[in-house]
Amino acid sequence: MEEYFFQCPYCWEDISMLVDYSVSDQNYIEDCEICCNPIQLDIVIENNEITSFQAESIEQ
């Protein structure tokens, strides 16, 4: 697991999360640690590196 920093799509604050590099395709929802809004995360890991990272707001 490694810490990964990105910008919240709601409040635009820089936040971080732990990413598990042992799982190649990840798709889940996690709340922003600042504004508590849900963020849809899509992460792809290849050769122990993040090759794709998307953090998007959830349409309500």
Protein backbone atom coordinates (compact mmCIF):
# COMPACT_ATOMS: atom_id res chain seq x y z
CA MET A 1 0.00 0.00 0.00
CA GLU A 2 1.19 3.48 -0.84
CA GLU A 3 -0.22 6.93 -0.23
CA TYR A 4 -1.54 8.65 -3.37
CA PHE A 5 -2.42 12.37 -3.51
CA PHE A 6 -5.13 13.89 -5.71
CA GLN A 7 -7.64 16.73 -5.83
CA CYS A 8 -11.23 16.25 -4.61
CA PRO A 9 -13.71 16.84 -7.49
CA TYR A 10 -16.07 18.66 -5.08
CA CYS A 11 -14.03 20.94 -2.80
CA TRP A 12 -10.79 20.95 -4.89
CA GLU A 13 -8.68 20.33 -1.79
CA ASP A 14 -5.65 18.07 -2.06
CA ILE A 15 -6.37 14.79 -0.28
CA SER A 16 -4.67 11.43 -0.06
CA MET A 17 -5.58 7.78 0.22
CA LEU A 18 -3.83 4.47 0.52
CA VAL A 19 -3.75 2.49 -2.74
CA ASP A 20 -3.29 -1.28 -2.69
CA TYR A 21 -0.81 -2.10 -5.47
CA SER A 22 -1.61 -5.82 -5.31
CA VAL A 23 -5.01 -5.29 -6.99
CA SER A 24 -4.69 -4.39 -10.69
CA ASP A 25 -8.17 -2.97 -11.39
CA GLN A 26 -9.94 -1.05 -8.65
CA ASN A 27 -13.32 0.65 -8.76
CA TYR A 28 -14.93 1.91 -5.57
CA ILE A 29 -16.44 4.88 -3.76
CA GLU A 30 -14.70 6.69 -0.93
CA ASP A 31 -15.72 9.86 0.89
CA CYS A 32 -13.53 12.96 0.77
CA GLU A 33 -11.75 13.45 4.09
CA ILE A 34 -12.40 17.23 3.90
CA CYS A 35 -15.95 17.72 2.56
CA CYS A 36 -17.29 14.15 3.06
CA ASN A 37 -18.78 13.92 -0.45
CA PRO A 38 -18.58 10.52 -2.20
CA ILE A 39 -15.86 10.16 -4.85
CA GLN A 40 -15.97 7.46 -7.54
CA LEU A 41 -12.44 6.06 -7.91
CA ASP A 42 -11.17 4.05 -10.88
CA ILE A 43 -7.56 2.90 -10.53
CA VAL A 44 -5.45 0.68 -12.78
CA ILE A 45 -2.14 -0.78 -11.56
CA GLU A 46 0.39 -2.31 -13.98
CA ASN A 47 3.92 -3.44 -13.12
CA ASN A 48 3.53 -2.04 -9.61
CA GLU A 49 2.71 1.48 -10.92
CA ILE A 50 -0.52 3.43 -11.20
CA THR A 51 -1.18 3.70 -14.95
CA SER A 52 -4.64 5.25 -14.64
CA PHE A 53 -6.27 7.16 -11.79
CA GLN A 54 -9.67 8.84 -12.03
CA ALA A 55 -11.49 10.54 -9.19
CA GLU A 56 -14.94 11.80 -10.19
CA SER A 57 -17.96 13.25 -8.48
CA ILE A 58 -21.06 11.09 -8.30
CA GLU A 59 -24.14 12.39 -10.08
CA GLN A 60 -26.99 12.84 -7.63
